[in-house]
Amino acid sequence: MTDEEYFDIIERKLPKVIAEKEKINKIYRNLLPESIQMGDDFQNWRFMIVIENRQKVLDAIFKAGLFAGTNFPSVSYMFKGVSSPVAEVEAKHIVNLFNDFRFSEAQARKICDVINSVI
């Protein structure tokens, strides 16, 4: 596949991908407390929330047959020898909620119910 063919595919699929993410993000925005949501500027890749009891929330999410991510490492690993205590603490409280074709609107509503029941 040439670069041009690849970029054509991306150009065709991107509007659909963006629309799907926005649909799921709207559910999260409406059903989760604003206090745990990171700003809209952070919601392109996944929908990011910051919670104190991350492991308890994750356990409940997985017990409900759903999934979420925590792969948001502190930026400290990129800067050897530099301490980033705020980033290290924040990284331990972030949960990434899926907002793509692998996660349905029903799953998004269900995960919000689970999160709200735990926090």
C-alpha atoms as a PDB file:
ATOM      1  CA  MET A   1       0.000   0.000   0.000  1.00  0.00           C
ATOM      2  CA  THR A   2       1.334   3.392  -0.907  1.00  0.00           C
ATOM      3  CA  ASP A   3       1.340   6.346   1.450  1.00  0.00           C
ATOM      4  CA  GLU A   4      -1.286   7.994  -0.713  1.00  0.00           C
ATOM      5  CA  GLU A   5      -3.591   4.958  -0.492  1.00  0.00           C
ATOM      6  CA  TYR A   6      -3.110   4.825   3.256  1.00  0.00           C
ATOM      7  CA  PHE A   7      -3.928   8.515   3.694  1.00  0.00           C
ATOM      8  CA  ASP A   8      -7.013   8.112   1.485  1.00  0.00           C
ATOM      9  CA  ILE A   9      -8.274   5.365   3.793  1.00  0.00           C
ATOM     10  CA  ILE A  10      -7.655   7.522   6.848  1.00  0.00           C
ATOM     11  CA  GLU A  11      -9.400  10.486   5.238  1.00  0.00           C
ATOM     12  CA  ARG A  12     -12.462   8.354   4.460  1.00  0.00           C
ATOM     13  CA  LYS A  13     -12.674   6.718   7.901  1.00  0.00           C
ATOM     14  CA  LEU A  14     -11.787   9.645  10.141  1.00  0.00           C
ATOM     15  CA  PRO A  15     -15.218  11.371  10.165  1.00  0.00           C
ATOM     16  CA  LYS A  16     -16.887   8.109  11.211  1.00  0.00           C
ATOM     17  CA  VAL A  17     -14.294   7.515  13.939  1.00  0.00           C
ATOM     18  CA  ILE A  18     -14.698  11.051  15.291  1.00  0.00           C
ATOM     19  CA  ALA A  19     -18.503  10.747  15.269  1.00  0.00           C
ATOM     20  CA  GLU A  20     -18.353   7.450  17.187  1.00  0.00           C
ATOM     21  CA  LYS A  21     -15.991   8.886  19.799  1.00  0.00           C
ATOM     22  CA  GLU A  22     -18.208  11.935  20.241  1.00  0.00           C
ATOM     23  CA  LYS A  23     -21.313   9.768  20.682  1.00  0.00           C
ATOM     24  CA  ILE A  24     -19.672   7.713  23.456  1.00  0.00           C
ATOM     25  CA  ASN A  25     -17.999  10.764  25.028  1.00  0.00           C
ATOM     26  CA  LYS A  26     -21.395  12.490  25.253  1.00  0.00           C
ATOM     27  CA  ILE A  27     -22.703   9.579  27.319  1.00  0.00           C
ATOM     28  CA  TYR A  28     -19.710   9.818  29.645  1.00  0.00           C
ATOM     29  CA  ARG A  29     -20.041  13.613  29.912  1.00  0.00           C
ATOM     30  CA  ASN A  30     -23.731  13.363  30.780  1.00  0.00           C
ATOM     31  CA  LEU A  31     -23.631  10.412  33.175  1.00  0.00           C
ATOM     32  CA  LEU A  32     -20.366  10.836  35.079  1.00  0.00           C
ATOM     33  CA  PRO A  33     -19.722  13.573  37.648  1.00  0.00           C
ATOM     34  CA  GLU A  34     -17.965  16.517  36.072  1.00  0.00           C
ATOM     35  CA  SER A  35     -15.548  16.527  39.005  1.00  0.00           C
ATOM     36  CA  ILE A  36     -13.876  13.292  37.826  1.00  0.00           C
ATOM     37  CA  GLN A  37     -13.722  14.163  34.119  1.00  0.00           C
ATOM     38  CA  MET A  38     -10.589  15.548  32.563  1.00  0.00           C
ATOM     39  CA  GLY A  39     -11.285  18.415  30.168  1.00  0.00           C
ATOM     40  CA  ASP A  40     -12.516  17.921  26.623  1.00  0.00           C
ATOM     41  CA  ASP A  41      -8.995  18.546  25.323  1.00  0.00           C
ATOM     42  CA  PHE A  42      -7.957  15.220  26.886  1.00  0.00           C
ATOM     43  CA  GLN A  43     -10.769  13.072  25.482  1.00  0.00           C
ATOM     44  CA  ASN A  44      -9.580  12.345  21.934  1.00  0.00           C
ATOM     45  CA  TRP A  45      -7.739   9.091  22.491  1.00  0.00           C
ATOM     46  CA  ARG A  46      -9.915   7.729  25.289  1.00  0.00           C
ATOM     47  CA  PHE A  47     -12.213   9.365  27.825  1.00  0.00           C
ATOM     48  CA  MET A  48     -10.050  10.140  30.831  1.00  0.00           C
ATOM     49  CA  ILE A  49     -11.297  10.264  34.406  1.00  0.00           C
ATOM     50  CA  VAL A  50      -9.373  10.897  37.607  1.00  0.00           C
ATOM     51  CA  ILE A  51     -10.516   8.983  40.679  1.00  0.00           C
ATOM     52  CA  GLU A  52      -9.150   8.354  44.152  1.00  0.00           C
ATOM     53  CA  ASN A  53     -10.131   4.691  44.438  1.00  0.00           C
ATOM     54  CA  ARG A  54      -8.939   3.538  41.028  1.00  0.00           C
ATOM     55  CA  GLN A  55      -8.391  -0.120  41.874  1.00  0.00           C
ATOM     56  CA  LYS A  56     -11.809  -0.476  43.496  1.00  0.00           C
ATOM     57  CA  VAL A  57     -13.443   1.093  40.433  1.00  0.00           C
ATOM     58  CA  LEU A  58     -11.439  -1.096  38.045  1.00  0.00           C
ATOM     59  CA  ASP A  59     -12.337  -4.236  39.998  1.00  0.00           C
ATOM     60  CA  ALA A  60     -16.031  -3.336  39.738  1.00  0.00           C
ATOM     61  CA  ILE A  61     -15.712  -2.573  36.021  1.00  0.00           C
ATOM     62  CA  PHE A  62     -14.095  -5.929  35.255  1.00  0.00           C
ATOM     63  CA  LYS A  63     -16.527  -7.784  37.541  1.00  0.00           C
ATOM     64  CA  ALA A  64     -19.360  -6.279  35.456  1.00  0.00           C
ATOM     65  CA  GLY A  65     -17.803  -7.796  32.318  1.00  0.00           C
ATOM     66  CA  LEU A  66     -16.524  -4.460  31.025  1.00  0.00           C
ATOM     67  CA  PHE A  67     -13.045  -3.114  30.502  1.00  0.00           C
ATOM     68  CA  ALA A  68     -11.073   0.095  30.968  1.00  0.00           C
ATOM     69  CA  GLY A  69      -7.425   1.057  30.804  1.00  0.00           C
ATOM     70  CA  THR A  70      -4.813   2.506  33.117  1.00  0.00           C
ATOM     71  CA  ASN A  71      -2.008   2.892  30.624  1.00  0.00           C
ATOM     72  CA  PHE A  72      -1.222   6.485  31.450  1.00  0.00           C
ATOM     73  CA  PRO A  73       2.289   6.416  32.920  1.00  0.00           C
ATOM     74  CA  SER A  74       3.869   9.339  34.675  1.00  0.00           C
ATOM     75  CA  VAL A  75       5.985  11.500  32.401  1.00  0.00           C
ATOM     76  CA  SER A  76       8.902  10.878  34.785  1.00  0.00           C
ATOM     77  CA  TYR A  77       9.980   7.829  32.784  1.00  0.00           C
ATOM     78  CA  MET A  78      10.791  10.098  29.821  1.00  0.00           C
ATOM     79  CA  PHE A  79      13.169  12.271  31.824  1.00  0.00           C
ATOM     80  CA  LYS A  80      15.791  10.190  33.571  1.00  0.00           C
ATOM     81  CA  GLY A  81      16.832  11.647  36.877  1.00  0.00           C
ATOM     82  CA  VAL A  82      13.962  14.145  36.972  1.00  0.00           C
ATOM     83  CA  SER A  83      11.439  13.838  39.772  1.00  0.00           C
ATOM     84  CA  SER A  84       7.824  14.572  38.844  1.00  0.00           C
ATOM     85  CA  PRO A  85       5.871  13.927  42.041  1.00  0.00           C
ATOM     86  CA  VAL A  86       2.635  15.527  40.827  1.00  0.00           C
ATOM     87  CA  ALA A  87       2.699  13.522  37.592  1.00  0.00           C
ATOM     88  CA  GLU A  88       3.460  10.327  39.501  1.00  0.00           C
ATOM     89  CA  VAL A  89       0.474  10.832  41.811  1.00  0.00           C
ATOM     90  CA  GLU A  90      -1.859  11.796  38.955  1.00  0.00           C
ATOM     91  CA  ALA A  91      -0.865   8.747  36.919  1.00  0.00           C
ATOM     92  CA  LYS A  92      -2.056   6.482  39.752  1.00  0.00           C
ATOM     93  CA  HIS A  93      -5.570   7.950  39.622  1.00  0.00           C
ATOM     94  CA  ILE A  94      -6.296   8.044  35.887  1.00  0.00           C
ATOM     95  CA  VAL A  95      -8.638   5.585  34.197  1.00  0.00           C
ATOM     96  CA  ASN A  96      -9.090   5.487  30.423  1.00  0.00           C
ATOM     97  CA  LEU A  97     -12.622   4.694  29.296  1.00  0.00           C
ATOM     98  CA  PHE A  98     -12.955   3.327  25.794  1.00  0.00           C
ATOM     99  CA  ASN A  99     -14.751   5.488  23.243  1.00  0.00           C
ATOM    100  CA  ASP A 100     -14.354   3.664  19.963  1.00  0.00           C
ATOM    101  CA  PHE A 101     -15.985   0.929  17.876  1.00  0.00           C
ATOM    102  CA  ARG A 102     -15.062  -1.719  20.432  1.00  0.00           C
ATOM    103  CA  PHE A 103     -17.335  -0.143  23.056  1.00  0.00           C
ATOM    104  CA  SER A 104     -21.075   0.246  22.494  1.00  0.00           C
ATOM    105  CA  GLU A 105     -23.413   2.922  23.801  1.00  0.00           C
ATOM    106  CA  ALA A 106     -24.978   0.313  26.106  1.00  0.00           C
ATOM    107  CA  GLN A 107     -21.547  -0.559  27.495  1.00  0.00           C
ATOM    108  CA  ALA A 108     -20.789   3.141  28.017  1.00  0.00           C
ATOM    109  CA  ARG A 109     -24.005   3.599  30.008  1.00  0.00           C
ATOM    110  CA  LYS A 110     -23.322   0.455  32.024  1.00  0.00           C
ATOM    111  CA  ILE A 111     -19.757   1.485  32.877  1.00  0.00           C
ATOM    112  CA  CYS A 112     -21.053   4.870  34.055  1.00  0.00           C
ATOM    113  CA  ASP A 113     -23.521   3.097  36.355  1.00  0.00           C
ATOM    114  CA  VAL A 114     -20.703   0.935  37.724  1.00  0.00           C
ATOM    115  CA  ILE A 115     -18.376   3.890  38.288  1.00  0.00           C
ATOM    116  CA  ASN A 116     -21.102   5.982  39.925  1.00  0.00           C
ATOM    117  CA  SER A 117     -21.980   3.127  42.283  1.00  0.00           C
ATOM    118  CA  VAL A 118     -18.378   2.885  43.504  1.00  0.00           C
ATOM    119  CA  ILE A 119     -17.150   6.480  43.761  1.00  0.00           C
END
